[in-house]
Amino acid sequence: MDHKLIVAATLGLTLTSSVALAAEPAEKPAITSSAELGMLFKSGNTRSTDLKAGYDLKYEKDLWRSTLAFDLLIKKADKTQTDGSKDFETTDQKWTIESKTNYTLNKSQKSYVYGDLAYEDSRFGSFDNQSSISAGWGREWYKSEVASFFADIGPGYKRDVLKSTGEAKKAFIIQAQALYLRKINENVEFKQTLSAKYAPKSGENSKYQAESSITTKLIETLQLKFSFKVDHNSEVAEGKDKTDTQTAITLVYSF
């Protein structure tokens, strides 16, 4: 009888421990990443290929939050030559990389200091490349169960290399950034980013960017993303547009 009681007690403790462990939420990993890809191919009378790819890496632990984002856009199409023949040539090519690190100063007020590095290389734009560095202060201004809003501002330095002459234009900037996230439902999320690199001196180029996106979860690790991006430079070469827009539909794989 005693042996039966001991066995029953042991089984009871084992089951209780198993239930308690199962009830504990899994610890969120410090490092998360995602890769996205979108392609369009056209053949027949004319040929064209559009490729958009990206990679995001995020580290979040204790008081630190770091992000690394890479984006690539390539377009190729038939181009008529002077003799009437057609060559399949690259008509647009751009890639960007940006890294940002936040360090939380006050958890209760959700304020932080940040450092930001960015680089953009464009084959067919007004600038051969554009780079910037800035540091400053920001805060998580709003947070609820379904939405959050971050914004920060700080001084920085920008360098634009003109494609026409190869001259490097350097300028002091004031950089401001904002991020708004909202869960529309369990499977759909809206994201809005804004970035301004304002050069206060007259005649110097200021750069503004905005991107809106909606991501829909298809399965646990695969999402469908629709995005619209606006890129504006205040000072560009003659004959070039100041504003570029980009609309894309891509698949995003999270891991």
Protein backbone atom coordinates (compact mmCIF):
# COMPACT_ATOMS: atom_id res chain seq x y z
CA MET A 1 0.00 0.00 0.00
CA ASP A 2 2.81 2.40 0.91
CA HIS A 3 4.56 1.61 -2.35
CA LYS A 4 1.39 2.45 -4.29
CA LEU A 5 1.07 5.79 -2.49
CA ILE A 6 4.71 6.67 -3.23
CA VAL A 7 4.32 5.81 -6.94
CA ALA A 8 1.08 7.82 -7.17
CA ALA A 9 2.69 10.83 -5.45
CA THR A 10 5.71 10.64 -7.76
CA LEU A 11 3.51 10.51 -10.86
CA GLY A 12 1.47 13.41 -9.54
CA LEU A 13 4.56 15.56 -8.98
CA THR A 14 5.88 14.66 -12.44
CA LEU A 15 2.62 15.63 -14.14
CA THR A 16 2.39 18.86 -12.15
CA SER A 17 5.97 19.81 -13.11
CA SER A 18 5.27 19.03 -16.78
CA VAL A 19 2.13 21.20 -16.78
CA ALA A 20 4.02 24.07 -15.08
CA LEU A 21 6.84 23.90 -17.62
CA ALA A 22 4.39 23.79 -20.51
CA ALA A 23 2.60 26.85 -19.11
CA GLU A 24 5.79 28.92 -19.04
CA PRO A 25 6.09 31.10 -22.16
CA ALA A 26 9.06 30.43 -24.42
CA GLU A 27 11.80 33.02 -24.05
CA LYS A 28 11.93 35.41 -26.97
CA PRO A 29 15.17 34.95 -28.96
CA ALA A 30 17.59 37.88 -28.83
CA ILE A 31 18.35 37.66 -32.56
CA THR A 32 15.66 37.49 -35.24
CA SER A 33 15.95 37.95 -38.99
CA SER A 34 13.94 37.90 -42.21
CA ALA A 35 14.62 37.80 -45.94
CA GLU A 36 12.31 39.04 -48.70
CA LEU A 37 12.22 38.46 -52.44
CA GLY A 38 10.05 39.65 -55.30
CA MET A 39 10.53 39.05 -59.04
CA LEU A 40 8.78 39.91 -62.31
CA PHE A 41 9.71 38.42 -65.69
CA LYS A 42 8.32 39.48 -69.06
CA SER A 43 9.00 37.94 -72.48
CA GLY A 44 7.62 38.17 -76.01
CA ASN A 45 7.85 41.36 -78.03
CA THR A 46 9.83 42.93 -75.20
CA ARG A 47 11.80 41.39 -72.36
CA SER A 48 12.18 42.72 -68.84
CA THR A 49 13.22 41.48 -65.41
CA ASP A 50 12.58 43.16 -62.07
CA LEU A 51 14.19 41.89 -58.87
CA LYS A 52 13.69 43.20 -55.34
CA ALA A 53 15.46 41.55 -52.42
CA GLY A 54 16.07 42.47 -48.81
CA TYR A 55 17.41 41.20 -45.52
CA ASP A 56 16.67 42.42 -41.98
CA LEU A 57 18.52 41.44 -38.81
CA LYS A 58 17.40 42.51 -35.33
CA TYR A 59 19.05 42.09 -31.93
CA GLU A 60 17.07 42.98 -28.81
CA LYS A 61 18.22 42.16 -25.28
CA ASP A 62 18.08 44.02 -21.96
CA LEU A 63 18.74 47.72 -22.71
CA TRP A 64 20.04 47.23 -26.27
CA ARG A 65 18.16 47.15 -29.58
CA SER A 66 20.06 46.95 -32.88
CA THR A 67 18.85 46.59 -36.46
CA LEU A 68 20.61 45.95 -39.77
CA ALA A 69 18.67 46.33 -43.03
CA PHE A 70 19.81 45.60 -46.59
CA ASP A 71 17.75 46.35 -49.71
CA LEU A 72 18.47 45.62 -53.40
CA LEU A 73 16.61 46.64 -56.56
CA ILE A 74 17.63 45.58 -60.10
CA LYS A 75 15.75 46.17 -63.36
CA LYS A 76 16.75 44.87 -66.79
CA ALA A 77 14.93 45.47 -70.10
CA ASP A 78 15.32 45.51 -73.85
CA LYS A 79 16.94 48.74 -75.03
CA THR A 80 16.85 49.74 -78.70
CA GLN A 81 20.24 50.68 -80.12
CA THR A 82 20.98 53.21 -82.87
CA ASP A 83 21.13 50.45 -85.51
CA GLY A 84 17.66 49.19 -84.51
CA SER A 85 18.86 46.12 -82.61
CA LYS A 86 17.82 45.39 -79.05
CA ASP A 87 20.15 44.63 -76.14
CA PHE A 88 19.02 43.29 -72.76
CA GLU A 89 20.53 45.91 -70.44
CA THR A 90 20.31 46.99 -66.82
CA THR A 91 18.06 50.06 -66.62
CA ASP A 92 18.05 50.56 -62.85
CA GLN A 93 20.17 49.29 -59.99
CA LYS A 94 20.22 50.46 -56.40
CA TRP A 95 21.22 48.96 -53.07
CA THR A 96 21.11 50.37 -49.55
CA ILE A 97 22.34 49.26 -46.15
CA GLU A 98 21.54 50.83 -42.78
CA SER A 99 22.48 49.96 -39.21
CA LYS A 100 20.95 51.50 -36.10
CA THR A 101 21.56 50.83 -32.40
CA ASN A 102 19.44 52.09 -29.49
CA TYR A 103 20.43 52.06 -25.82
CA THR A 104 17.60 52.55 -23.33
CA LEU A 105 18.28 55.25 -20.75
CA ASN A 106 15.07 55.08 -18.77
CA LYS A 107 12.74 52.08 -18.95
CA SER A 108 9.83 53.85 -17.28
CA GLN A 109 9.97 56.83 -19.65
CA LYS A 110 11.14 54.58 -22.55
CA SER A 111 13.76 57.08 -23.70
CA TYR A 112 16.95 56.05 -25.51
CA VAL A 113 20.04 57.30 -27.28
CA TYR A 114 20.85 56.04 -30.76
CA GLY A 115 23.56 55.79 -33.38
CA ASP A 116 22.76 55.42 -37.09
CA LEU A 117 24.87 54.59 -40.19
CA ALA A 118 23.48 54.48 -43.73
CA TYR A 119 24.86 53.97 -47.24
CA GLU A 120 23.12 53.99 -50.65
CA ASP A 121 24.63 53.13 -54.03
CA SER A 122 22.68 54.05 -57.18
CA ARG A 123 23.79 53.26 -60.73
CA PHE A 124 21.36 55.53 -62.56
CA GLY A 125 20.49 58.31 -60.09
CA SER A 126 21.93 61.79 -59.60
CA PHE A 127 24.35 60.48 -56.98
CA ASP A 128 26.91 57.75 -57.35
CA ASN A 129 26.47 57.06 -53.64
CA GLN A 130 25.12 58.72 -50.50
CA SER A 131 26.21 58.04 -46.93
CA SER A 132 25.33 59.46 -43.52
CA ILE A 133 26.03 59.10 -39.82
CA SER A 134 24.05 60.54 -36.91
CA ALA A 135 23.48 60.17 -33.18
CA GLY A 136 20.82 61.55 -30.90
CA TRP A 137 17.92 60.98 -28.51
CA GLY A 138 14.55 59.31 -28.96
CA ARG A 139 11.59 57.83 -27.16
CA GLU A 140 8.83 55.29 -27.48
CA TRP A 141 6.07 57.88 -27.40
CA TYR A 142 3.12 55.52 -27.52
CA LYS A 143 2.50 51.83 -26.86
CA SER A 144 -0.63 49.71 -26.57
CA GLU A 145 -1.48 46.06 -27.13
CA VAL A 146 -1.84 46.62 -30.88
CA ALA A 147 0.27 49.70 -31.72
CA SER A 148 3.52 51.53 -30.92
CA PHE A 149 5.21 54.73 -32.06
CA PHE A 150 8.94 55.60 -31.89
CA ALA A 151 10.57 58.89 -32.88
CA ASP A 152 14.09 60.30 -32.49
CA ILE A 153 16.23 63.23 -33.59
CA GLY A 154 19.90 64.17 -33.60
CA PRO A 155 22.76 65.91 -35.43
CA GLY A 156 24.75 64.15 -38.13
CA TYR A 157 26.95 64.32 -41.18
CA LYS A 158 26.12 63.47 -44.81
CA ARG A 159 28.28 62.82 -47.88
CA ASP A 160 26.86 62.78 -51.43
CA VAL A 161 29.05 61.84 -54.43
CA LEU A 162 27.77 63.44 -57.63
CA LYS A 163 27.59 61.07 -60.60
CA SER A 164 28.22 63.80 -63.20
CA THR A 165 31.51 65.09 -61.77
CA GLY A 166 32.54 62.64 -59.05
CA GLU A 167 32.64 65.54 -56.57
CA ALA A 168 31.85 64.68 -52.94
CA LYS A 169 29.40 67.09 -51.31
CA LYS A 170 29.67 67.07 -47.50
CA ALA A 171 27.11 68.64 -45.19
CA PHE A 172 25.98 68.90 -41.58
CA ILE A 173 22.46 67.50 -41.15
CA ILE A 174 19.71 67.19 -38.60
CA GLN A 175 18.25 63.71 -38.82
CA ALA A 176 14.77 62.81 -37.62
CA GLN A 177 13.16 59.37 -37.82
CA ALA A 178 9.81 57.88 -36.88
CA LEU A 179 8.39 54.37 -36.80
CA TYR A 180 4.73 53.41 -36.37
CA LEU A 181 3.59 49.78 -36.01
CA ARG A 182 0.02 48.54 -35.77
CA LYS A 183 -1.49 45.07 -35.71
CA ILE A 184 -4.68 45.18 -37.76
CA ASN A 185 -5.53 41.64 -36.69
CA GLU A 186 -3.72 38.46 -35.68
CA ASN A 187 -2.28 37.93 -39.17
CA VAL A 188 -1.98 41.43 -40.64
CA GLU A 189 0.44 44.21 -39.59
CA PHE A 190 0.86 47.79 -40.84
CA LYS A 191 4.23 49.57 -40.70
CA GLN A 192 5.08 53.21 -41.46
CA THR A 193 8.59 54.66 -41.46
CA LEU A 194 9.66 58.28 -41.99
CA SER A 195 13.19 59.64 -42.29
CA ALA A 196 14.45 63.20 -42.84
CA LYS A 197 18.08 64.21 -43.31
CA TYR A 198 17.79 67.97 -43.38
CA ALA A 199 20.76 70.08 -44.45
CA PRO A 200 20.10 73.58 -43.01
CA LYS A 201 22.63 75.38 -45.23
CA SER A 202 21.14 76.86 -48.41
CA GLY A 203 21.92 74.96 -51.61
CA GLU A 204 22.80 71.68 -49.88
CA ASN A 205 20.85 68.51 -50.57
CA SER A 206 18.31 67.26 -48.03
CA LYS A 207 17.03 63.69 -48.27
CA TYR A 208 13.57 62.49 -47.23
CA GLN A 209 12.17 58.95 -47.25
CA ALA A 210 8.84 57.37 -46.36
CA GLU A 211 7.70 53.77 -46.62
CA SER A 212 4.30 52.22 -45.93
CA SER A 213 3.83 48.47 -45.84
CA ILE A 214 1.21 45.87 -45.01
CA THR A 215 2.35 42.35 -44.15
CA THR A 216 -0.01 39.37 -44.18
CA LYS A 217 0.97 36.08 -42.55
CA LEU A 218 0.53 33.09 -44.88
CA ILE A 219 2.04 30.48 -42.56
CA GLU A 220 4.05 30.76 -39.35
CA THR A 221 7.32 31.77 -41.08
CA LEU A 222 6.11 33.10 -44.45
CA GLN A 223 4.42 36.46 -45.09
CA LEU A 224 3.19 38.41 -48.10
CA LYS A 225 4.29 42.07 -48.06
CA PHE A 226 2.88 45.01 -50.02
CA SER A 227 4.98 48.19 -49.79
CA PHE A 228 5.04 51.71 -51.19
CA LYS A 229 8.21 53.81 -50.86
CA VAL A 230 8.92 57.49 -51.61
CA ASP A 231 12.49 58.82 -51.93
CA HIS A 232 13.04 62.59 -52.33
CA ASN A 233 16.23 64.65 -52.75
CA SER A 234 15.94 68.45 -52.68
CA GLU A 235 18.97 69.07 -54.96
CA VAL A 236 19.52 66.81 -58.00
CA ALA A 237 21.30 66.99 -61.35
CA GLU A 238 19.59 68.75 -64.24
CA GLY A 239 17.19 66.44 -66.05
CA LYS A 240 16.74 64.13 -63.06
CA ASP A 241 13.54 63.84 -61.01
CA LYS A 242 13.70 64.85 -57.37
CA THR A 243 11.23 62.17 -56.29
CA ASP A 244 11.34 58.41 -56.91
CA THR A 245 8.58 56.00 -55.91
CA GLN A 246 8.63 52.23 -55.61
CA THR A 247 5.68 49.85 -55.29
CA ALA A 248 6.43 46.20 -54.56
CA ILE A 249 4.86 42.89 -53.59
CA THR A 250 7.32 40.44 -52.00
CA LEU A 251 7.43 37.22 -50.04
CA VAL A 252 9.09 37.49 -46.62
CA TYR A 253 10.60 34.51 -44.82
CA SER A 254 11.28 34.94 -41.08
CA PHE A 255 13.79 32.85 -39.16
